[in-house]
Amino acid sequence: MRQLFFNINKMSVQNIVSIITVVGAFVILIMLQLHEIPAANKDVLNIALGFVLGNGVSNVYGFLFGEKKNQPTKKEGE
């Protein structure tokens, strides 16, 4: 178990956080389908979750499949 923690690098942590974000978004969507939401809180909950999940998932996809990931880095002075 200790060896596993020593082999984790920065890229692995970013990928793990990305996977947790996407899976968490799907879990929340499934929970919304299975549980009844009170009518008074329905609009506020939809707006809040849409904002949080929309930004979270779009940032994950932007990180994993974004343009900057495949572009070569510029050297200073160019």
PDB file of N, CA and C in Angstrom:
ATOM      1  N   MET A   1       0.824  -1.188   0.000  1.00  0.00           N
ATOM      2  CA  MET A   1       0.000   0.000   0.000  1.00  0.00           C
ATOM      3  C   MET A   1       0.873   1.259   0.000  1.00  0.00           C
ATOM      4  N   ARG A   2       1.935   1.240   0.759  1.00  0.00           N
ATOM      5  CA  ARG A   2       2.828   2.390   0.828  1.00  0.00           C
ATOM      6  C   ARG A   2       3.496   2.633  -0.527  1.00  0.00           C
ATOM      7  N   GLN A   3       3.829   1.568  -1.235  1.00  0.00           N
ATOM      8  CA  GLN A   3       4.461   1.697  -2.549  1.00  0.00           C
ATOM      9  C   GLN A   3       3.512   2.363  -3.544  1.00  0.00           C
ATOM     10  N   LEU A   4       2.227   2.107  -3.424  1.00  0.00           N
ATOM     11  CA  LEU A   4       1.235   2.707  -4.313  1.00  0.00           C
ATOM     12  C   LEU A   4       1.250   4.226  -4.185  1.00  0.00           C
ATOM     13  N   PHE A   5       1.341   4.741  -2.968  1.00  0.00           N
ATOM     14  CA  PHE A   5       1.344   6.184  -2.765  1.00  0.00           C
ATOM     15  C   PHE A   5       2.608   6.841  -3.290  1.00  0.00           C
ATOM     16  N   PHE A   6       3.713   6.139  -3.291  1.00  0.00           N
ATOM     17  CA  PHE A   6       4.951   6.704  -3.802  1.00  0.00           C
ATOM     18  C   PHE A   6       4.956   6.758  -5.328  1.00  0.00           C
ATOM     19  N   ASN A   7       4.158   5.912  -5.983  1.00  0.00           N
ATOM     20  CA  ASN A   7       4.122   5.885  -7.442  1.00  0.00           C
ATOM     21  C   ASN A   7       3.129   6.876  -8.036  1.00  0.00           C
ATOM     22  N   ILE A   8       2.342   7.552  -7.226  1.00  0.00           N
ATOM     23  CA  ILE A   8       1.360   8.513  -7.727  1.00  0.00           C
ATOM     24  C   ILE A   8       2.066   9.830  -8.016  1.00  0.00           C
ATOM     25  N   ASN A   9       1.905  10.320  -9.236  1.00  0.00           N
ATOM     26  CA  ASN A   9       2.496  11.604  -9.588  1.00  0.00           C
ATOM     27  C   ASN A   9       1.389  12.644  -9.803  1.00  0.00           C
ATOM     28  N   LYS A  10       1.753  13.847 -10.194  1.00  0.00           N
ATOM     29  CA  LYS A  10       0.789  14.943 -10.334  1.00  0.00           C
ATOM     30  C   LYS A  10      -0.272  14.622 -11.379  1.00  0.00           C
ATOM     31  N   MET A  11       0.112  14.019 -12.481  1.00  0.00           N
ATOM     32  CA  MET A  11      -0.841  13.698 -13.542  1.00  0.00           C
ATOM     33  C   MET A  11      -1.843  12.657 -13.074  1.00  0.00           C
ATOM     34  N   SER A  12      -1.412  11.702 -12.299  1.00  0.00           N
ATOM     35  CA  SER A  12      -2.325  10.688 -11.780  1.00  0.00           C
ATOM     36  C   SER A  12      -3.363  11.309 -10.857  1.00  0.00           C
ATOM     37  N   VAL A  13      -2.941  12.232 -10.020  1.00  0.00           N
ATOM     38  CA  VAL A  13      -3.874  12.897  -9.105  1.00  0.00           C
ATOM     39  C   VAL A  13      -4.903  13.695  -9.889  1.00  0.00           C
ATOM     40  N   GLN A  14      -4.472  14.397 -10.926  1.00  0.00           N
ATOM     41  CA  GLN A  14      -5.406  15.169 -11.747  1.00  0.00           C
ATOM     42  C   GLN A  14      -6.407  14.255 -12.438  1.00  0.00           C
ATOM     43  N   ASN A  15      -5.956  13.114 -12.929  1.00  0.00           N
ATOM     44  CA  ASN A  15      -6.872  12.174 -13.574  1.00  0.00           C
ATOM     45  C   ASN A  15      -7.856  11.578 -12.578  1.00  0.00           C
ATOM     46  N   ILE A  16      -7.391  11.277 -11.375  1.00  0.00           N
ATOM     47  CA  ILE A  16      -8.278  10.714 -10.354  1.00  0.00           C
ATOM     48  C   ILE A  16      -9.345  11.732  -9.968  1.00  0.00           C
ATOM     49  N   VAL A  17      -8.954  12.990  -9.780  1.00  0.00           N
ATOM     50  CA  VAL A  17      -9.924  14.039  -9.443  1.00  0.00           C
ATOM     51  C   VAL A  17     -10.919  14.231 -10.582  1.00  0.00           C
ATOM     52  N   SER A  18     -10.461  14.148 -11.818  1.00  0.00           N
ATOM     53  CA  SER A  18     -11.354  14.281 -12.970  1.00  0.00           C
ATOM     54  C   SER A  18     -12.375  13.154 -13.004  1.00  0.00           C
ATOM     55  N   ILE A  19     -11.940  11.945 -12.757  1.00  0.00           N
ATOM     56  CA  ILE A  19     -12.852  10.797 -12.758  1.00  0.00           C
ATOM     57  C   ILE A  19     -13.866  10.920 -11.634  1.00  0.00           C
ATOM     58  N   ILE A  20     -13.413  11.342 -10.460  1.00  0.00           N
ATOM     59  CA  ILE A  20     -14.334  11.516  -9.335  1.00  0.00           C
ATOM     60  C   ILE A  20     -15.379  12.579  -9.659  1.00  0.00           C
ATOM     61  N   THR A  21     -14.987  13.664 -10.321  1.00  0.00           N
ATOM     62  CA  THR A  21     -15.924  14.728 -10.674  1.00  0.00           C
ATOM     63  C   THR A  21     -17.000  14.236 -11.633  1.00  0.00           C
ATOM     64  N   VAL A  22     -16.603  13.513 -12.667  1.00  0.00           N
ATOM     65  CA  VAL A  22     -17.577  13.033 -13.650  1.00  0.00           C
ATOM     66  C   VAL A  22     -18.494  11.972 -13.043  1.00  0.00           C
ATOM     67  N   VAL A  23     -17.939  11.040 -12.296  1.00  0.00           N
ATOM     68  CA  VAL A  23     -18.762  10.011 -11.660  1.00  0.00           C
ATOM     69  C   VAL A  23     -19.700  10.647 -10.630  1.00  0.00           C
ATOM     70  N   GLY A  24     -19.207  11.621  -9.879  1.00  0.00           N
ATOM     71  CA  GLY A  24     -20.053  12.315  -8.912  1.00  0.00           C
ATOM     72  C   GLY A  24     -21.207  13.038  -9.576  1.00  0.00           C
ATOM     73  N   ALA A  25     -20.969  13.628 -10.746  1.00  0.00           N
ATOM     74  CA  ALA A  25     -22.044  14.301 -11.477  1.00  0.00           C
ATOM     75  C   ALA A  25     -23.130  13.305 -11.875  1.00  0.00           C
ATOM     76  N   PHE A  26     -22.730  12.144 -12.347  1.00  0.00           N
ATOM     77  CA  PHE A  26     -23.720  11.136 -12.725  1.00  0.00           C
ATOM     78  C   PHE A  26     -24.478  10.607 -11.512  1.00  0.00           C
ATOM     79  N   VAL A  27     -23.791  10.458 -10.389  1.00  0.00           N
ATOM     80  CA  VAL A  27     -24.460   9.998  -9.165  1.00  0.00           C
ATOM     81  C   VAL A  27     -25.506  11.018  -8.728  1.00  0.00           C
ATOM     82  N   ILE A  28     -25.163  12.295  -8.777  1.00  0.00           N
ATOM     83  CA  ILE A  28     -26.121  13.335  -8.401  1.00  0.00           C
ATOM     84  C   ILE A  28     -27.315  13.341  -9.339  1.00  0.00           C
ATOM     85  N   LEU A  29     -27.089  13.169 -10.628  1.00  0.00           N
ATOM     86  CA  LEU A  29     -28.206  13.127 -11.585  1.00  0.00           C
ATOM     87  C   LEU A  29     -29.114  11.928 -11.329  1.00  0.00           C
ATOM     88  N   ILE A  30     -28.544  10.793 -10.994  1.00  0.00           N
ATOM     89  CA  ILE A  30     -29.347   9.611 -10.683  1.00  0.00           C
ATOM     90  C   ILE A  30     -30.145   9.841  -9.406  1.00  0.00           C
ATOM     91  N   MET A  31     -29.517  10.461  -8.412  1.00  0.00           N
ATOM     92  CA  MET A  31     -30.230  10.747  -7.170  1.00  0.00           C
ATOM     93  C   MET A  31     -31.399  11.712  -7.407  1.00  0.00           C
ATOM     94  N   LEU A  32     -31.218  12.662  -8.302  1.00  0.00           N
ATOM     95  CA  LEU A  32     -32.317  13.585  -8.615  1.00  0.00           C
ATOM     96  C   LEU A  32     -33.501  12.857  -9.249  1.00  0.00           C
ATOM     97  N   GLN A  33     -33.224  11.804  -9.992  1.00  0.00           N
ATOM     98  CA  GLN A  33     -34.299  11.037 -10.619  1.00  0.00           C
ATOM     99  C   GLN A  33     -35.025  10.146  -9.612  1.00  0.00           C
ATOM    100  N   LEU A  34     -34.337   9.685  -8.588  1.00  0.00           N
ATOM    101  CA  LEU A  34     -34.908   8.728  -7.653  1.00  0.00           C
ATOM    102  C   LEU A  34     -35.600   9.365  -6.455  1.00  0.00           C
ATOM    103  N   HIS A  35     -35.207  10.586  -6.078  1.00  0.00           N
ATOM    104  CA  HIS A  35     -35.764  11.225  -4.886  1.00  0.00           C
ATOM    105  C   HIS A  35     -36.641  12.411  -5.280  1.00  0.00           C
ATOM    106  N   GLU A  36     -37.713  12.590  -4.552  1.00  0.00           N
ATOM    107  CA  GLU A  36     -38.629  13.707  -4.788  1.00  0.00           C
ATOM    108  C   GLU A  36     -38.050  14.985  -4.194  1.00  0.00           C
ATOM    109  N   ILE A  37     -38.116  16.056  -4.962  1.00  0.00           N
ATOM    110  CA  ILE A  37     -37.635  17.358  -4.507  1.00  0.00           C
ATOM    111  C   ILE A  37     -38.859  18.211  -4.181  1.00  0.00           C
ATOM    112  N   PRO A  38     -38.864  18.873  -3.014  1.00  0.00           N
ATOM    113  CA  PRO A  38     -39.996  19.740  -2.693  1.00  0.00           C
ATOM    114  C   PRO A  38     -40.152  20.847  -3.742  1.00  0.00           C
ATOM    115  N   ALA A  39     -41.383  21.201  -4.054  1.00  0.00           N
ATOM    116  CA  ALA A  39     -41.663  22.180  -5.106  1.00  0.00           C
ATOM    117  C   ALA A  39     -41.034  23.538  -4.805  1.00  0.00           C
ATOM    118  N   ALA A  40     -40.992  23.915  -3.541  1.00  0.00           N
ATOM    119  CA  ALA A  40     -40.426  25.220  -3.177  1.00  0.00           C
ATOM    120  C   ALA A  40     -38.920  25.287  -3.453  1.00  0.00           C
ATOM    121  N   ASN A  41     -38.233  24.177  -3.405  1.00  0.00           N
ATOM    122  CA  ASN A  41     -36.773  24.154  -3.586  1.00  0.00           C
ATOM    123  C   ASN A  41     -36.341  23.704  -4.970  1.00  0.00           C
ATOM    124  N   LYS A  42     -37.259  23.333  -5.814  1.00  0.00           N
ATOM    125  CA  LYS A  42     -36.913  22.719  -7.095  1.00  0.00           C
ATOM    126  C   LYS A  42     -36.120  23.664  -8.005  1.00  0.00           C
ATOM    127  N   ASP A  43     -36.574  24.907  -8.145  1.00  0.00           N
ATOM    128  CA  ASP A  43     -35.884  25.839  -9.039  1.00  0.00           C
ATOM    129  C   ASP A  43     -34.495  26.196  -8.524  1.00  0.00           C
ATOM    130  N   VAL A  44     -34.390  26.453  -7.244  1.00  0.00           N
ATOM    131  CA  VAL A  44     -33.093  26.812  -6.667  1.00  0.00           C
ATOM    132  C   VAL A  44     -32.110  25.654  -6.800  1.00  0.00           C
ATOM    133  N   LEU A  45     -32.578  24.450  -6.541  1.00  0.00           N
ATOM    134  CA  LEU A  45     -31.710  23.277  -6.642  1.00  0.00           C
ATOM    135  C   LEU A  45     -31.260  23.053  -8.078  1.00  0.00           C
ATOM    136  N   ASN A  46     -32.171  23.200  -9.034  1.00  0.00           N
ATOM    137  CA  ASN A  46     -31.794  23.013 -10.437  1.00  0.00           C
ATOM    138  C   ASN A  46     -30.761  24.039 -10.889  1.00  0.00           C
ATOM    139  N   ILE A  47     -30.932  25.289 -10.481  1.00  0.00           N
ATOM    140  CA  ILE A  47     -29.975  26.327 -10.868  1.00  0.00           C
ATOM    141  C   ILE A  47     -28.617  26.069 -10.217  1.00  0.00           C
ATOM    142  N   ALA A  48     -28.620  25.774  -8.922  1.00  0.00           N
ATOM    143  CA  ALA A  48     -27.358  25.554  -8.212  1.00  0.00           C
ATOM    144  C   ALA A  48     -26.616  24.338  -8.749  1.00  0.00           C
ATOM    145  N   LEU A  49     -27.316  23.235  -8.920  1.00  0.00           N
ATOM    146  CA  LEU A  49     -26.646  22.031  -9.429  1.00  0.00           C
ATOM    147  C   LEU A  49     -26.213  22.201 -10.875  1.00  0.00           C
ATOM    148  N   GLY A  50     -27.009  22.880 -11.657  1.00  0.00           N
ATOM    149  CA  GLY A  50     -26.613  23.132 -13.044  1.00  0.00           C
ATOM    150  C   GLY A  50     -25.347  23.949 -13.125  1.00  0.00           C
ATOM    151  N   PHE A  51     -25.244  24.938 -12.266  1.00  0.00           N
ATOM    152  CA  PHE A  51     -24.046  25.775 -12.244  1.00  0.00           C
ATOM    153  C   PHE A  51     -22.826  24.981 -11.789  1.00  0.00           C
ATOM    154  N   VAL A  52     -22.957  24.288 -10.678  1.00  0.00           N
ATOM    155  CA  VAL A  52     -21.823  23.550 -10.111  1.00  0.00           C
ATOM    156  C   VAL A  52     -21.410  22.394 -11.018  1.00  0.00           C
ATOM    157  N   LEU A  53     -22.379  21.574 -11.428  1.00  0.00           N
ATOM    158  CA  LEU A  53     -22.038  20.421 -12.259  1.00  0.00           C
ATOM    159  C   LEU A  53     -21.592  20.844 -13.650  1.00  0.00           C
ATOM    160  N   GLY A  54     -22.237  21.847 -14.202  1.00  0.00           N
ATOM    161  CA  GLY A  54     -21.847  22.321 -15.538  1.00  0.00           C
ATOM    162  C   GLY A  54     -20.421  22.820 -15.564  1.00  0.00           C
ATOM    163  N   ASN A  55     -20.062  23.637 -14.588  1.00  0.00           N
ATOM    164  CA  ASN A  55     -18.688  24.142 -14.535  1.00  0.00           C
ATOM    165  C   ASN A  55     -17.697  23.036 -14.208  1.00  0.00           C
ATOM    166  N   GLY A  56     -18.044  22.178 -13.272  1.00  0.00           N
ATOM    167  CA  GLY A  56     -17.121  21.111 -12.887  1.00  0.00           C
ATOM    168  C   GLY A  56     -16.823  20.160 -14.024  1.00  0.00           C
ATOM    169  N   VAL A  57     -17.847  19.681 -14.675  1.00  0.00           N
ATOM    170  CA  VAL A  57     -17.651  18.717 -15.766  1.00  0.00           C
ATOM    171  C   VAL A  57     -16.993  19.382 -16.973  1.00  0.00           C
ATOM    172  N   SER A  58     -17.377  20.625 -17.289  1.00  0.00           N
ATOM    173  CA  SER A  58     -16.744  21.290 -18.434  1.00  0.00           C
ATOM    174  C   SER A  58     -15.264  21.565 -18.165  1.00  0.00           C
ATOM    175  N   ASN A  59     -14.915  21.879 -16.928  1.00  0.00           N
ATOM    176  CA  ASN A  59     -13.492  22.060 -16.605  1.00  0.00           C
ATOM    177  C   ASN A  59     -12.719  20.752 -16.703  1.00  0.00           C
ATOM    178  N   VAL A  60     -13.334  19.660 -16.305  1.00  0.00           N
ATOM    179  CA  VAL A  60     -12.680  18.362 -16.420  1.00  0.00           C
ATOM    180  C   VAL A  60     -12.450  18.009 -17.885  1.00  0.00           C
ATOM    181  N   TYR A  61     -13.477  18.182 -18.720  1.00  0.00           N
ATOM    182  CA  TYR A  61     -13.314  17.883 -20.139  1.00  0.00           C
ATOM    183  C   TYR A  61     -12.311  18.836 -20.790  1.00  0.00           C
ATOM    184  N   GLY A  62     -12.334  20.088 -20.381  1.00  0.00           N
ATOM    185  CA  GLY A  62     -11.360  21.035 -20.909  1.00  0.00           C
ATOM    186  C   GLY A  62      -9.940  20.645 -20.548  1.00  0.00           C
ATOM    187  N   PHE A  63      -9.768  20.129 -19.350  1.00  0.00           N
ATOM    188  CA  PHE A  63      -8.433  19.699 -18.935  1.00  0.00           C
ATOM    189  C   PHE A  63      -7.991  18.449 -19.689  1.00  0.00           C
ATOM    190  N   LEU A  64      -8.875  17.464 -19.762  1.00  0.00           N
ATOM    191  CA  LEU A  64      -8.492  16.196 -20.370  1.00  0.00           C
ATOM    192  C   LEU A  64      -8.370  16.267 -21.887  1.00  0.00           C
ATOM    193  N   PHE A  65      -9.267  17.000 -22.548  1.00  0.00           N
ATOM    194  CA  PHE A  65      -9.302  16.994 -24.011  1.00  0.00           C
ATOM    195  C   PHE A  65      -9.084  18.371 -24.611  1.00  0.00           C
ATOM    196  N   GLY A  66      -8.567  19.307 -23.841  1.00  0.00           N
ATOM    197  CA  GLY A  66      -8.402  20.678 -24.303  1.00  0.00           C
ATOM    198  C   GLY A  66      -7.315  20.836 -25.339  1.00  0.00           C
ATOM    199  N   GLU A  67      -7.344  21.994 -26.007  1.00  0.00           N
ATOM    200  CA  GLU A  67      -6.364  22.280 -27.045  1.00  0.00           C
ATOM    201  C   GLU A  67      -4.957  22.419 -26.489  1.00  0.00           C
ATOM    202  N   LYS A  68      -4.829  23.059 -25.354  1.00  0.00           N
ATOM    203  CA  LYS A  68      -3.501  23.344 -24.810  1.00  0.00           C
ATOM    204  C   LYS A  68      -2.735  22.093 -24.433  1.00  0.00           C
ATOM    205  N   LYS A  69      -3.428  21.000 -24.231  1.00  0.00           N
ATOM    206  CA  LYS A  69      -2.755  19.775 -23.808  1.00  0.00           C
ATOM    207  C   LYS A  69      -1.822  19.236 -24.902  1.00  0.00           C
ATOM    208  N   ASN A  70      -2.202  19.408 -26.178  1.00  0.00           N
ATOM    209  CA  ASN A  70      -1.419  18.847 -27.276  1.00  0.00           C
ATOM    210  C   ASN A  70      -0.519  19.867 -27.962  1.00  0.00           C
ATOM    211  N   GLN A  71      -0.575  21.136 -27.542  1.00  0.00           N
ATOM    212  CA  GLN A  71       0.256  22.143 -28.168  1.00  0.00           C
ATOM    213  C   GLN A  71       1.651  22.140 -27.568  1.00  0.00           C
ATOM    214  N   PRO A  72       2.656  22.332 -28.400  1.00  0.00           N
ATOM    215  CA  PRO A  72       4.013  22.430 -27.857  1.00  0.00           C
ATOM    216  C   PRO A  72       4.152  23.736 -27.069  1.00  0.00           C
ATOM    217  N   THR A  73       5.002  23.707 -26.058  1.00  0.00           N
ATOM    218  CA  THR A  73       5.194  24.908 -25.246  1.00  0.00           C
ATOM    219  C   THR A  73       6.140  25.862 -25.978  1.00  0.00           C
ATOM    220  N   LYS A  74       5.879  27.166 -25.805  1.00  0.00           N
ATOM    221  CA  LYS A  74       6.716  28.179 -26.428  1.00  0.00           C
ATOM    222  C   LYS A  74       7.939  28.417 -25.549  1.00  0.00           C
ATOM    223  N   LYS A  75       9.063  28.593 -26.196  1.00  0.00           N
ATOM    224  CA  LYS A  75      10.278  28.943 -25.462  1.00  0.00           C
ATOM    225  C   LYS A  75      10.302  30.464 -25.269  1.00  0.00           C
ATOM    226  N   GLU A  76      10.963  30.901 -24.224  1.00  0.00           N
ATOM    227  CA  GLU A  76      11.037  32.323 -23.949  1.00  0.00           C
ATOM    228  C   GLU A  76      11.813  33.033 -25.047  1.00  0.00           C
ATOM    229  N   GLY A  77      11.296  34.209 -25.458  1.00  0.00           N
ATOM    230  CA  GLY A  77      11.963  34.982 -26.486  1.00  0.00           C
ATOM    231  C   GLY A  77      11.453  34.700 -27.882  1.00  0.00           C
ATOM    232  N   GLU A  78      10.522  33.797 -28.059  1.00  0.00           N
ATOM    233  CA  GLU A  78       9.991  33.503 -29.394  1.00  0.00           C
ATOM    234  C   GLU A  78       8.775  34.308 -29.673  1.00  0.00           C
TER     235      GLU A  78
END
